[in-house]
């Protein structure tokens, strides 16, 4: 019977594959504290849009609420998600909710204005 030549075992240890290139993935509107600090109560929708950009979600049924979302999925590291919701009353900026808030000095002055109006 003829002998079959022995083939060395293939374990893949001698092959080097190139590393797969991964990119950072950004989605939504970039939001920064500097942008939020520029927002003032009573601003018009156009003024807010100039500072923040077009909202990612502008609800057709509630046009007094704009939602801004930002997501960053880096190639390596932890995923970042930020959210800002801006509310209007009579087409003027009335309230902010989300991951950023105006600086403390502005909040105190707003509280004084509200208390003096009562």
PDB file of N, CA and C in Angstrom:
ATOM      1  N   UNK A   1       0.843  -1.163   0.000  1.00  0.00           N
ATOM      2  CA  UNK A   1       0.000   0.000   0.000  1.00  0.00           C
ATOM      3  C   UNK A   1       0.897   1.238   0.000  1.00  0.00           C
ATOM      4  N   UNK A   2       0.577   2.205  -0.880  1.00  0.00           N
ATOM      5  CA  UNK A   2       1.426   3.393  -0.944  1.00  0.00           C
ATOM      6  C   UNK A   2       1.227   4.258   0.313  1.00  0.00           C
ATOM      7  N   UNK A   3       2.260   4.907   0.737  1.00  0.00           N
ATOM      8  CA  UNK A   3       2.171   5.760   1.927  1.00  0.00           C
ATOM      9  C   UNK A   3       1.692   7.171   1.539  1.00  0.00           C
ATOM     10  N   UNK A   4       0.905   7.720   2.395  1.00  0.00           N
ATOM     11  CA  UNK A   4       0.381   9.077   2.182  1.00  0.00           C
ATOM     12  C   UNK A   4       1.316  10.034   2.916  1.00  0.00           C
ATOM     13  N   UNK A   5       1.768  11.053   2.204  1.00  0.00           N
ATOM     14  CA  UNK A   5       2.682  11.988   2.874  1.00  0.00           C
ATOM     15  C   UNK A   5       1.966  12.715   4.019  1.00  0.00           C
ATOM     16  N   UNK A   6       2.711  12.928   5.090  1.00  0.00           N
ATOM     17  CA  UNK A   6       2.153  13.629   6.247  1.00  0.00           C
ATOM     18  C   UNK A   6       2.112  15.134   5.962  1.00  0.00           C
ATOM     19  N   UNK A   7       0.990  15.715   6.272  1.00  0.00           N
ATOM     20  CA  UNK A   7       0.806  17.160   6.107  1.00  0.00           C
ATOM     21  C   UNK A   7       0.883  17.783   7.496  1.00  0.00           C
ATOM     22  N   UNK A   8       1.681  18.824   7.620  1.00  0.00           N
ATOM     23  CA  UNK A   8       1.771  19.446   8.946  1.00  0.00           C
ATOM     24  C   UNK A   8       0.417  20.026   9.365  1.00  0.00           C
ATOM     25  N   UNK A   9       0.184  19.998  10.674  1.00  0.00           N
ATOM     26  CA  UNK A   9      -1.068  20.552  11.198  1.00  0.00           C
ATOM     27  C   UNK A   9      -1.089  22.070  10.985  1.00  0.00           C
ATOM     28  N   UNK A  10      -2.248  22.569  10.612  1.00  0.00           N
ATOM     29  CA  UNK A  10      -2.417  23.998  10.380  1.00  0.00           C
ATOM     30  C   UNK A  10      -3.118  24.604  11.590  1.00  0.00           C
ATOM     31  N   UNK A  11      -2.373  25.383  12.357  1.00  0.00           N
ATOM     32  CA  UNK A  11      -2.993  26.031  13.514  1.00  0.00           C
ATOM     33  C   UNK A  11      -3.090  27.546  13.333  1.00  0.00           C
ATOM     34  N   UNK A  12      -2.613  28.064  12.214  1.00  0.00           N
ATOM     35  CA  UNK A  12      -2.757  29.483  11.914  1.00  0.00           C
ATOM     36  C   UNK A  12      -1.793  30.381  12.652  1.00  0.00           C
ATOM     37  N   UNK A  13      -0.890  29.823  13.441  1.00  0.00           N
ATOM     38  CA  UNK A  13       0.004  30.650  14.239  1.00  0.00           C
ATOM     39  C   UNK A  13       1.064  31.356  13.404  1.00  0.00           C
ATOM     40  N   UNK A  14       1.316  30.902  12.232  1.00  0.00           N
ATOM     41  CA  UNK A  14       2.364  31.521  11.429  1.00  0.00           C
ATOM     42  C   UNK A  14       1.818  32.557  10.442  1.00  0.00           C
ATOM     43  N   UNK A  15       0.512  32.736  10.402  1.00  0.00           N
ATOM     44  CA  UNK A  15      -0.075  33.713   9.491  1.00  0.00           C
ATOM     45  C   UNK A  15      -0.443  34.962  10.287  1.00  0.00           C
ATOM     46  N   UNK A  16      -0.034  36.127   9.793  1.00  0.00           N
ATOM     47  CA  UNK A  16      -0.393  37.399  10.426  1.00  0.00           C
ATOM     48  C   UNK A  16      -1.345  38.137   9.507  1.00  0.00           C
ATOM     49  N   UNK A  17      -2.531  38.360   9.991  1.00  0.00           N
ATOM     50  CA  UNK A  17      -3.508  39.117   9.226  1.00  0.00           C
ATOM     51  C   UNK A  17      -3.436  40.584   9.638  1.00  0.00           C
ATOM     52  N   UNK A  18      -3.679  41.471   8.708  1.00  0.00           N
ATOM     53  CA  UNK A  18      -3.666  42.890   9.087  1.00  0.00           C
ATOM     54  C   UNK A  18      -4.830  43.199  10.026  1.00  0.00           C
ATOM     55  N   UNK A  19      -4.598  44.156  10.919  1.00  0.00           N
ATOM     56  CA  UNK A  19      -5.635  44.560  11.864  1.00  0.00           C
ATOM     57  C   UNK A  19      -6.741  45.302  11.107  1.00  0.00           C
ATOM     58  N   UNK A  20      -7.962  45.030  11.469  1.00  0.00           N
ATOM     59  CA  UNK A  20      -9.098  45.683  10.835  1.00  0.00           C
ATOM     60  C   UNK A  20      -9.165  47.123  11.329  1.00  0.00           C
ATOM     61  N   UNK A  21      -9.291  48.054  10.401  1.00  0.00           N
ATOM     62  CA  UNK A  21      -9.391  49.467  10.763  1.00  0.00           C
ATOM     63  C   UNK A  21     -10.808  49.775  11.219  1.00  0.00           C
ATOM     64  N   UNK A  22     -10.923  50.323  12.406  1.00  0.00           N
ATOM     65  CA  UNK A  22     -12.227  50.711  12.938  1.00  0.00           C
ATOM     66  C   UNK A  22     -12.272  52.228  13.027  1.00  0.00           C
ATOM     67  N   UNK A  23     -13.436  52.784  12.759  1.00  0.00           N
ATOM     68  CA  UNK A  23     -13.579  54.234  12.801  1.00  0.00           C
ATOM     69  C   UNK A  23     -14.544  54.639  13.903  1.00  0.00           C
ATOM     70  N   UNK A  24     -14.423  55.902  14.326  1.00  0.00           N
ATOM     71  CA  UNK A  24     -15.376  56.465  15.268  1.00  0.00           C
ATOM     72  C   UNK A  24     -16.660  56.773  14.509  1.00  0.00           C
ATOM     73  N   UNK A  25     -17.790  56.480  15.122  1.00  0.00           N
ATOM     74  CA  UNK A  25     -19.082  56.732  14.487  1.00  0.00           C
ATOM     75  C   UNK A  25     -19.826  57.787  15.303  1.00  0.00           C
ATOM     76  N   UNK A  26     -20.097  58.930  14.665  1.00  0.00           N
ATOM     77  CA  UNK A  26     -20.857  60.006  15.296  1.00  0.00           C
ATOM     78  C   UNK A  26     -22.239  60.065  14.670  1.00  0.00           C
ATOM     79  N   UNK A  27     -23.240  60.293  15.510  1.00  0.00           N
ATOM     80  CA  UNK A  27     -24.604  60.431  15.008  1.00  0.00           C
ATOM     81  C   UNK A  27     -25.309  61.546  15.760  1.00  0.00           C
ATOM     82  N   UNK A  28     -26.150  62.276  15.064  1.00  0.00           N
ATOM     83  CA  UNK A  28     -26.961  63.306  15.696  1.00  0.00           C
ATOM     84  C   UNK A  28     -26.297  64.658  15.687  1.00  0.00           C
ATOM     85  N   UNK A  29     -26.748  65.510  16.619  1.00  0.00           N
ATOM     86  CA  UNK A  29     -26.262  66.877  16.744  1.00  0.00           C
ATOM     87  C   UNK A  29     -25.188  66.939  17.819  1.00  0.00           C
ATOM     88  N   UNK A  30     -24.055  67.548  17.508  1.00  0.00           N
ATOM     89  CA  UNK A  30     -23.026  67.763  18.524  1.00  0.00           C
ATOM     90  C   UNK A  30     -23.574  68.795  19.506  1.00  0.00           C
ATOM     91  N   UNK A  31     -23.488  68.481  20.786  1.00  0.00           N
ATOM     92  CA  UNK A  31     -23.987  69.363  21.842  1.00  0.00           C
ATOM     93  C   UNK A  31     -22.813  69.698  22.756  1.00  0.00           C
ATOM     94  N   UNK A  32     -22.665  70.986  23.097  1.00  0.00           N
ATOM     95  CA  UNK A  32     -21.596  71.369  24.020  1.00  0.00           C
ATOM     96  C   UNK A  32     -22.151  72.319  25.082  1.00  0.00           C
ATOM     97  N   UNK A  33     -21.430  72.417  26.192  1.00  0.00           N
ATOM     98  CA  UNK A  33     -21.843  73.323  27.263  1.00  0.00           C
ATOM     99  C   UNK A  33     -21.814  74.763  26.781  1.00  0.00           C
ATOM    100  N   UNK A  34     -20.864  75.103  25.919  1.00  0.00           N
ATOM    101  CA  UNK A  34     -20.776  76.466  25.382  1.00  0.00           C
ATOM    102  C   UNK A  34     -22.038  76.830  24.601  1.00  0.00           C
ATOM    103  N   UNK A  35     -22.581  75.881  23.878  1.00  0.00           N
ATOM    104  CA  UNK A  35     -23.819  76.128  23.125  1.00  0.00           C
ATOM    105  C   UNK A  35     -24.982  76.373  24.084  1.00  0.00           C
ATOM    106  N   UNK A  36     -25.080  75.560  25.116  1.00  0.00           N
ATOM    107  CA  UNK A  36     -26.176  75.685  26.080  1.00  0.00           C
ATOM    108  C   UNK A  36     -26.081  77.008  26.827  1.00  0.00           C
ATOM    109  N   UNK A  37     -24.849  77.440  27.142  1.00  0.00           N
ATOM    110  CA  UNK A  37     -24.665  78.702  27.860  1.00  0.00           C
ATOM    111  C   UNK A  37     -25.118  79.908  27.037  1.00  0.00           C
ATOM    112  N   UNK A  38     -25.189  79.781  25.725  1.00  0.00           N
ATOM    113  CA  UNK A  38     -25.642  80.888  24.870  1.00  0.00           C
ATOM    114  C   UNK A  38     -27.165  81.009  24.845  1.00  0.00           C
ATOM    115  N   UNK A  39     -27.860  79.952  25.232  1.00  0.00           N
ATOM    116  CA  UNK A  39     -29.326  79.976  25.198  1.00  0.00           C
ATOM    117  C   UNK A  39     -29.869  80.804  26.356  1.00  0.00           C
ATOM    118  N   UNK A  40     -30.838  81.653  26.055  1.00  0.00           N
ATOM    119  CA  UNK A  40     -31.459  82.518  27.058  1.00  0.00           C
ATOM    120  C   UNK A  40     -32.973  82.378  26.963  1.00  0.00           C
ATOM    121  N   UNK A  41     -33.675  82.461  28.090  1.00  0.00           N
ATOM    122  CA  UNK A  41     -35.137  82.402  28.052  1.00  0.00           C
ATOM    123  C   UNK A  41     -35.685  83.526  27.173  1.00  0.00           C
ATOM    124  N   UNK A  42     -36.706  83.211  26.402  1.00  0.00           N
ATOM    125  CA  UNK A  42     -37.322  84.212  25.546  1.00  0.00           C
ATOM    126  C   UNK A  42     -36.749  84.266  24.136  1.00  0.00           C
ATOM    127  N   UNK A  43     -35.703  83.480  23.862  1.00  0.00           N
ATOM    128  CA  UNK A  43     -35.149  83.458  22.504  1.00  0.00           C
ATOM    129  C   UNK A  43     -36.164  82.854  21.542  1.00  0.00           C
ATOM    130  N   UNK A  44     -36.125  83.310  20.295  1.00  0.00           N
ATOM    131  CA  UNK A  44     -37.027  82.764  19.284  1.00  0.00           C
ATOM    132  C   UNK A  44     -36.501  81.415  18.802  1.00  0.00           C
ATOM    133  N   UNK A  45     -37.345  80.692  18.095  1.00  0.00           N
ATOM    134  CA  UNK A  45     -36.941  79.395  17.550  1.00  0.00           C
ATOM    135  C   UNK A  45     -35.784  79.552  16.561  1.00  0.00           C
ATOM    136  N   UNK A  46     -35.807  80.622  15.767  1.00  0.00           N
ATOM    137  CA  UNK A  46     -34.711  80.847  14.815  1.00  0.00           C
ATOM    138  C   UNK A  46     -33.390  81.112  15.523  1.00  0.00           C
ATOM    139  N   UNK A  47     -33.421  81.842  16.631  1.00  0.00           N
ATOM    140  CA  UNK A  47     -32.200  82.102  17.393  1.00  0.00           C
ATOM    141  C   UNK A  47     -31.649  80.807  17.987  1.00  0.00           C
ATOM    142  N   UNK A  48     -32.541  79.979  18.510  1.00  0.00           N
ATOM    143  CA  UNK A  48     -32.120  78.694  19.083  1.00  0.00           C
ATOM    144  C   UNK A  48     -31.552  77.798  17.985  1.00  0.00           C
ATOM    145  N   UNK A  49     -32.205  77.770  16.843  1.00  0.00           N
ATOM    146  CA  UNK A  49     -31.738  76.946  15.725  1.00  0.00           C
ATOM    147  C   UNK A  49     -30.368  77.416  15.237  1.00  0.00           C
ATOM    148  N   UNK A  50     -30.111  78.724  15.275  1.00  0.00           N
ATOM    149  CA  UNK A  50     -28.811  79.262  14.874  1.00  0.00           C
ATOM    150  C   UNK A  50     -27.700  78.747  15.791  1.00  0.00           C
ATOM    151  N   UNK A  51     -27.986  78.654  17.079  1.00  0.00           N
ATOM    152  CA  UNK A  51     -26.987  78.199  18.058  1.00  0.00           C
ATOM    153  C   UNK A  51     -26.852  76.677  18.057  1.00  0.00           C
ATOM    154  N   UNK A  52     -27.983  75.979  18.092  1.00  0.00           N
ATOM    155  CA  UNK A  52     -27.977  74.525  18.286  1.00  0.00           C
ATOM    156  C   UNK A  52     -27.994  73.721  16.992  1.00  0.00           C
ATOM    157  N   UNK A  53     -28.421  74.347  15.899  1.00  0.00           N
ATOM    158  CA  UNK A  53     -28.597  73.605  14.660  1.00  0.00           C
ATOM    159  C   UNK A  53     -30.018  73.069  14.577  1.00  0.00           C
ATOM    160  N   UNK A  54     -30.332  72.468  13.454  1.00  0.00           N
ATOM    161  CA  UNK A  54     -31.664  71.899  13.260  1.00  0.00           C
ATOM    162  C   UNK A  54     -31.843  70.703  14.191  1.00  0.00           C
ATOM    163  N   UNK A  55     -32.957  70.645  14.919  1.00  0.00           N
ATOM    164  CA  UNK A  55     -33.146  69.523  15.843  1.00  0.00           C
ATOM    165  C   UNK A  55     -33.259  68.201  15.102  1.00  0.00           C
ATOM    166  N   UNK A  56     -32.757  67.161  15.738  1.00  0.00           N
ATOM    167  CA  UNK A  56     -32.845  65.832  15.156  1.00  0.00           C
ATOM    168  C   UNK A  56     -34.300  65.387  15.079  1.00  0.00           C
ATOM    169  N   UNK A  57     -35.062  65.736  16.115  1.00  0.00           N
ATOM    170  CA  UNK A  57     -36.485  65.393  16.129  1.00  0.00           C
ATOM    171  C   UNK A  57     -37.281  66.665  16.423  1.00  0.00           C
ATOM    172  N   UNK A  58     -38.137  67.036  15.501  1.00  0.00           N
ATOM    173  CA  UNK A  58     -39.096  68.120  15.710  1.00  0.00           C
ATOM    174  C   UNK A  58     -40.467  67.478  15.543  1.00  0.00           C
ATOM    175  N   UNK A  59     -41.120  67.239  16.655  1.00  0.00           N
ATOM    176  CA  UNK A  59     -42.394  66.513  16.665  1.00  0.00           C
ATOM    177  C   UNK A  59     -43.473  67.286  15.916  1.00  0.00           C
ATOM    178  N   UNK A  60     -44.100  66.644  14.972  1.00  0.00           N
ATOM    179  CA  UNK A  60     -45.165  67.260  14.183  1.00  0.00           C
ATOM    180  C   UNK A  60     -46.365  67.612  15.051  1.00  0.00           C
ATOM    181  N   UNK A  61     -46.631  66.801  16.060  1.00  0.00           N
ATOM    182  CA  UNK A  61     -47.803  67.004  16.902  1.00  0.00           C
ATOM    183  C   UNK A  61     -47.524  67.924  18.087  1.00  0.00           C
ATOM    184  N   UNK A  62     -46.269  68.146  18.417  1.00  0.00           N
ATOM    185  CA  UNK A  62     -45.907  69.063  19.496  1.00  0.00           C
ATOM    186  C   UNK A  62     -44.762  69.933  18.994  1.00  0.00           C
ATOM    187  N   UNK A  63     -45.091  71.027  18.348  1.00  0.00           N
ATOM    188  CA  UNK A  63     -44.070  71.875  17.744  1.00  0.00           C
ATOM    189  C   UNK A  63     -43.369  72.763  18.760  1.00  0.00           C
ATOM    190  N   UNK A  64     -43.733  72.637  20.022  1.00  0.00           N
ATOM    191  CA  UNK A  64     -43.079  73.400  21.079  1.00  0.00           C
ATOM    192  C   UNK A  64     -41.993  72.591  21.779  1.00  0.00           C
ATOM    193  N   UNK A  65     -41.608  71.465  21.198  1.00  0.00           N
ATOM    194  CA  UNK A  65     -40.563  70.618  21.784  1.00  0.00           C
ATOM    195  C   UNK A  65     -39.590  70.208  20.687  1.00  0.00           C
ATOM    196  N   UNK A  66     -38.311  70.465  20.939  1.00  0.00           N
ATOM    197  CA  UNK A  66     -37.249  70.047  20.019  1.00  0.00           C
ATOM    198  C   UNK A  66     -36.315  69.102  20.767  1.00  0.00           C
ATOM    199  N   UNK A  67     -35.972  67.999  20.140  1.00  0.00           N
ATOM    200  CA  UNK A  67     -35.077  67.011  20.745  1.00  0.00           C
ATOM    201  C   UNK A  67     -33.757  66.981  19.986  1.00  0.00           C
ATOM    202  N   UNK A  68     -32.683  67.077  20.746  1.00  0.00           N
ATOM    203  CA  UNK A  68     -31.337  66.978  20.193  1.00  0.00           C
ATOM    204  C   UNK A  68     -30.663  65.761  20.813  1.00  0.00           C
ATOM    205  N   UNK A  69     -30.119  64.900  19.982  1.00  0.00           N
ATOM    206  CA  UNK A  69     -29.408  63.707  20.441  1.00  0.00           C
ATOM    207  C   UNK A  69     -28.023  63.700  19.825  1.00  0.00           C
ATOM    208  N   UNK A  70     -27.073  63.155  20.577  1.00  0.00           N
ATOM    209  CA  UNK A  70     -25.724  62.976  20.053  1.00  0.00           C
ATOM    210  C   UNK A  70     -25.201  61.641  20.548  1.00  0.00           C
ATOM    211  N   UNK A  71     -24.630  60.887  19.650  1.00  0.00           N
ATOM    212  CA  UNK A  71     -24.019  59.615  20.011  1.00  0.00           C
ATOM    213  C   UNK A  71     -22.654  59.490  19.371  1.00  0.00           C
ATOM    214  N   UNK A  72     -21.705  58.996  20.123  1.00  0.00           N
ATOM    215  CA  UNK A  72     -20.358  58.749  19.613  1.00  0.00           C
ATOM    216  C   UNK A  72     -19.963  57.346  20.024  1.00  0.00           C
ATOM    217  N   UNK A  73     -19.694  56.525  19.038  1.00  0.00           N
ATOM    218  CA  UNK A  73     -19.220  55.170  19.296  1.00  0.00           C
ATOM    219  C   UNK A  73     -17.782  55.108  18.789  1.00  0.00           C
ATOM    220  N   UNK A  74     -16.809  55.295  19.715  1.00  0.00           N
ATOM    221  CA  UNK A  74     -15.414  55.274  19.283  1.00  0.00           C
ATOM    222  C   UNK A  74     -14.966  53.868  18.903  1.00  0.00           C
ATOM    223  N   UNK A  75     -13.923  53.811  18.084  1.00  0.00           N
ATOM    224  CA  UNK A  75     -13.381  52.517  17.677  1.00  0.00           C
ATOM    225  C   UNK A  75     -12.981  51.712  18.911  1.00  0.00           C
ATOM    226  N   UNK A  76     -12.424  52.396  19.875  1.00  0.00           N
ATOM    227  CA  UNK A  76     -12.064  51.763  21.146  1.00  0.00           C
ATOM    228  C   UNK A  76     -12.534  52.674  22.263  1.00  0.00           C
ATOM    229  N   UNK A  77     -13.069  52.110  23.290  1.00  0.00           N
ATOM    230  CA  UNK A  77     -13.520  52.916  24.414  1.00  0.00           C
ATOM    231  C   UNK A  77     -15.020  52.847  24.599  1.00  0.00           C
ATOM    232  N   UNK A  78     -15.488  53.695  25.512  1.00  0.00           N
ATOM    233  CA  UNK A  78     -16.890  53.672  25.911  1.00  0.00           C
ATOM    234  C   UNK A  78     -17.746  54.567  25.006  1.00  0.00           C
ATOM    235  N   UNK A  79     -18.947  54.102  24.733  1.00  0.00           N
ATOM    236  CA  UNK A  79     -19.891  54.857  23.906  1.00  0.00           C
ATOM    237  C   UNK A  79     -20.425  56.057  24.690  1.00  0.00           C
ATOM    238  N   UNK A  80     -20.596  57.186  23.996  1.00  0.00           N
ATOM    239  CA  UNK A  80     -21.090  58.417  24.603  1.00  0.00           C
ATOM    240  C   UNK A  80     -22.461  58.732  24.015  1.00  0.00           C
ATOM    241  N   UNK A  81     -23.417  59.049  24.884  1.00  0.00           N
ATOM    242  CA  UNK A  81     -24.749  59.460  24.434  1.00  0.00           C
ATOM    243  C   UNK A  81     -25.163  60.695  25.220  1.00  0.00           C
ATOM    244  N   UNK A  82     -25.618  61.701  24.493  1.00  0.00           N
ATOM    245  CA  UNK A  82     -26.066  62.938  25.124  1.00  0.00           C
ATOM    246  C   UNK A  82     -27.431  63.310  24.567  1.00  0.00           C
ATOM    247  N   UNK A  83     -28.217  63.980  25.406  1.00  0.00           N
ATOM    248  CA  UNK A  83     -29.572  64.352  24.994  1.00  0.00           C
ATOM    249  C   UNK A  83     -29.905  65.727  25.549  1.00  0.00           C
ATOM    250  N   UNK A  84     -30.590  66.507  24.753  1.00  0.00           N
ATOM    251  CA  UNK A  84     -31.085  67.812  25.165  1.00  0.00           C
ATOM    252  C   UNK A  84     -32.491  67.974  24.617  1.00  0.00           C
ATOM    253  N   UNK A  85     -33.416  68.408  25.450  1.00  0.00           N
ATOM    254  CA  UNK A  85     -34.779  68.687  25.015  1.00  0.00           C
ATOM    255  C   UNK A  85     -35.042  70.161  25.306  1.00  0.00           C
ATOM    256  N   UNK A  86     -35.501  70.871  24.286  1.00  0.00           N
ATOM    257  CA  UNK A  86     -35.761  72.301  24.406  1.00  0.00           C
ATOM    258  C   UNK A  86     -37.258  72.527  24.214  1.00  0.00           C
ATOM    259  N   UNK A  87     -37.848  73.273  25.153  1.00  0.00           N
ATOM    260  CA  UNK A  87     -39.282  73.551  25.108  1.00  0.00           C
ATOM    261  C   UNK A  87     -39.519  75.033  24.822  1.00  0.00           C
ATOM    262  N   UNK A  88     -40.565  75.292  24.076  1.00  0.00           N
ATOM    263  CA  UNK A  88     -40.950  76.656  23.738  1.00  0.00           C
ATOM    264  C   UNK A  88     -42.370  76.913  24.229  1.00  0.00           C
ATOM    265  N   UNK A  89     -42.633  78.174  24.563  1.00  0.00           N
ATOM    266  CA  UNK A  89     -43.988  78.608  24.888  1.00  0.00           C
ATOM    267  C   UNK A  89     -44.205  79.904  24.124  1.00  0.00           C
ATOM    268  N   UNK A  90     -45.243  79.960  23.316  1.00  0.00           N
ATOM    269  CA  UNK A  90     -45.518  81.110  22.444  1.00  0.00           C
ATOM    270  C   UNK A  90     -44.323  81.404  21.537  1.00  0.00           C
ATOM    271  N   UNK A  91     -43.719  80.340  21.009  1.00  0.00           N
ATOM    272  CA  UNK A  91     -42.559  80.411  20.104  1.00  0.00           C
ATOM    273  C   UNK A  91     -41.332  81.064  20.733  1.00  0.00           C
ATOM    274  N   UNK A  92     -41.243  81.048  22.058  1.00  0.00           N
ATOM    275  CA  UNK A  92     -40.077  81.571  22.780  1.00  0.00           C
ATOM    276  C   UNK A  92     -39.525  80.464  23.671  1.00  0.00           C
ATOM    277  N   UNK A  93     -38.199  80.422  23.804  1.00  0.00           N
ATOM    278  CA  UNK A  93     -37.541  79.413  24.640  1.00  0.00           C
ATOM    279  C   UNK A  93     -38.036  79.539  26.075  1.00  0.00           C
ATOM    280  N   UNK A  94     -38.522  78.426  26.629  1.00  0.00           N
ATOM    281  CA  UNK A  94     -39.055  78.480  27.991  1.00  0.00           C
ATOM    282  C   UNK A  94     -38.369  77.515  28.956  1.00  0.00           C
ATOM    283  N   UNK A  95     -37.868  76.372  28.460  1.00  0.00           N
ATOM    284  CA  UNK A  95     -37.308  75.385  29.388  1.00  0.00           C
ATOM    285  C   UNK A  95     -36.323  74.468  28.669  1.00  0.00           C
ATOM    286  N   UNK A  96     -35.320  74.004  29.423  1.00  0.00           N
ATOM    287  CA  UNK A  96     -34.327  73.051  28.926  1.00  0.00           C
ATOM    288  C   UNK A  96     -34.314  71.826  29.823  1.00  0.00           C
ATOM    289  N   UNK A  97     -34.135  70.674  29.222  1.00  0.00           N
ATOM    290  CA  UNK A  97     -33.937  69.430  29.979  1.00  0.00           C
ATOM    291  C   UNK A  97     -32.858  68.634  29.274  1.00  0.00           C
ATOM    292  N   UNK A  98     -32.093  67.884  30.047  1.00  0.00           N
ATOM    293  CA  UNK A  98     -31.119  67.013  29.413  1.00  0.00           C
ATOM    294  C   UNK A  98     -29.817  66.920  30.170  1.00  0.00           C
ATOM    295  N   UNK A  99     -28.779  66.562  29.437  1.00  0.00           N
ATOM    296  CA  UNK A  99     -27.474  66.301  30.029  1.00  0.00           C
ATOM    297  C   UNK A  99     -26.677  67.567  30.318  1.00  0.00           C
ATOM    298  N   UNK A 100     -27.108  68.702  29.804  1.00  0.00           N
ATOM    299  CA  UNK A 100     -26.430  69.975  30.043  1.00  0.00           C
ATOM    300  C   UNK A 100     -27.425  70.954  30.635  1.00  0.00           C
ATOM    301  N   UNK A 101     -26.909  71.874  31.446  1.00  0.00           N
ATOM    302  CA  UNK A 101     -27.734  72.935  32.003  1.00  0.00           C
ATOM    303  C   UNK A 101     -26.971  74.249  31.884  1.00  0.00           C
ATOM    304  N   UNK A 102     -27.705  75.384  31.811  1.00  0.00           N
ATOM    305  CA  UNK A 102     -27.010  76.677  31.784  1.00  0.00           C
ATOM    306  C   UNK A 102     -26.194  76.846  33.056  1.00  0.00           C
ATOM    307  N   UNK A 103     -25.193  77.732  33.015  1.00  0.00           N
ATOM    308  CA  UNK A 103     -24.339  77.876  34.198  1.00  0.00           C
ATOM    309  C   UNK A 103     -25.134  78.435  35.372  1.00  0.00           C
ATOM    310  N   UNK A 104     -24.612  78.271  36.586  1.00  0.00           N
ATOM    311  CA  UNK A 104     -25.335  78.565  37.828  1.00  0.00           C
ATOM    312  C   UNK A 104     -25.708  80.035  37.955  1.00  0.00           C
ATOM    313  N   UNK A 105     -24.893  80.952  37.458  1.00  0.00           N
ATOM    314  CA  UNK A 105     -25.187  82.384  37.574  1.00  0.00           C
ATOM    315  C   UNK A 105     -26.486  82.709  36.840  1.00  0.00           C
ATOM    316  N   UNK A 106     -26.647  82.159  35.640  1.00  0.00           N
ATOM    317  CA  UNK A 106     -27.858  82.414  34.865  1.00  0.00           C
ATOM    318  C   UNK A 106     -29.078  81.810  35.545  1.00  0.00           C
ATOM    319  N   UNK A 107     -28.935  80.642  36.150  1.00  0.00           N
ATOM    320  CA  UNK A 107     -30.059  79.997  36.833  1.00  0.00           C
ATOM    321  C   UNK A 107     -30.511  80.859  38.009  1.00  0.00           C
ATOM    322  N   UNK A 108     -29.567  81.415  38.790  1.00  0.00           N
ATOM    323  CA  UNK A 108     -29.925  82.265  39.919  1.00  0.00           C
ATOM    324  C   UNK A 108     -30.660  83.510  39.445  1.00  0.00           C
ATOM    325  N   UNK A 109     -30.187  84.138  38.373  1.00  0.00           N
ATOM    326  CA  UNK A 109     -30.854  85.343  37.883  1.00  0.00           C
ATOM    327  C   UNK A 109     -32.249  85.018  37.357  1.00  0.00           C
ATOM    328  N   UNK A 110     -32.421  83.844  36.752  1.00  0.00           N
ATOM    329  CA  UNK A 110     -33.744  83.430  36.289  1.00  0.00           C
ATOM    330  C   UNK A 110     -34.687  83.239  37.467  1.00  0.00           C
ATOM    331  N   UNK A 111     -34.190  82.627  38.546  1.00  0.00           N
ATOM    332  CA  UNK A 111     -35.015  82.428  39.736  1.00  0.00           C
ATOM    333  C   UNK A 111     -35.457  83.773  40.311  1.00  0.00           C
ATOM    334  N   UNK A 112     -34.555  84.756  40.330  1.00  0.00           N
ATOM    335  CA  UNK A 112     -34.894  86.075  40.847  1.00  0.00           C
ATOM    336  C   UNK A 112     -35.955  86.741  39.979  1.00  0.00           C
ATOM    337  N   UNK A 113     -35.832  86.602  38.657  1.00  0.00           N
ATOM    338  CA  UNK A 113     -36.819  87.190  37.750  1.00  0.00           C
ATOM    339  C   UNK A 113     -38.192  86.563  37.973  1.00  0.00           C
ATOM    340  N   UNK A 114     -38.232  85.250  38.143  1.00  0.00           N
ATOM    341  CA  UNK A 114     -39.503  84.556  38.355  1.00  0.00           C
ATOM    342  C   UNK A 114     -40.111  84.965  39.684  1.00  0.00           C
ATOM    343  N   UNK A 115     -39.282  85.030  40.750  1.00  0.00           N
ATOM    344  CA  UNK A 115     -39.790  85.397  42.069  1.00  0.00           C
ATOM    345  C   UNK A 115     -40.268  86.847  42.103  1.00  0.00           C
ATOM    346  N   UNK A 116     -39.589  87.754  41.408  1.00  0.00           N
ATOM    347  CA  UNK A 116     -40.001  89.153  41.408  1.00  0.00           C
ATOM    348  C   UNK A 116     -41.281  89.361  40.603  1.00  0.00           C
ATOM    349  N   UNK A 117     -41.548  88.478  39.644  1.00  0.00           N
ATOM    350  CA  UNK A 117     -42.765  88.585  38.834  1.00  0.00           C
ATOM    351  C   UNK A 117     -43.996  88.134  39.614  1.00  0.00           C
ATOM    352  N   UNK A 118     -43.789  87.303  40.654  1.00  0.00           N
ATOM    353  CA  UNK A 118     -44.924  86.788  41.449  1.00  0.00           C
ATOM    354  C   UNK A 118     -45.451  87.807  42.367  1.00  0.00           C
TER     355      UNK A 118
END
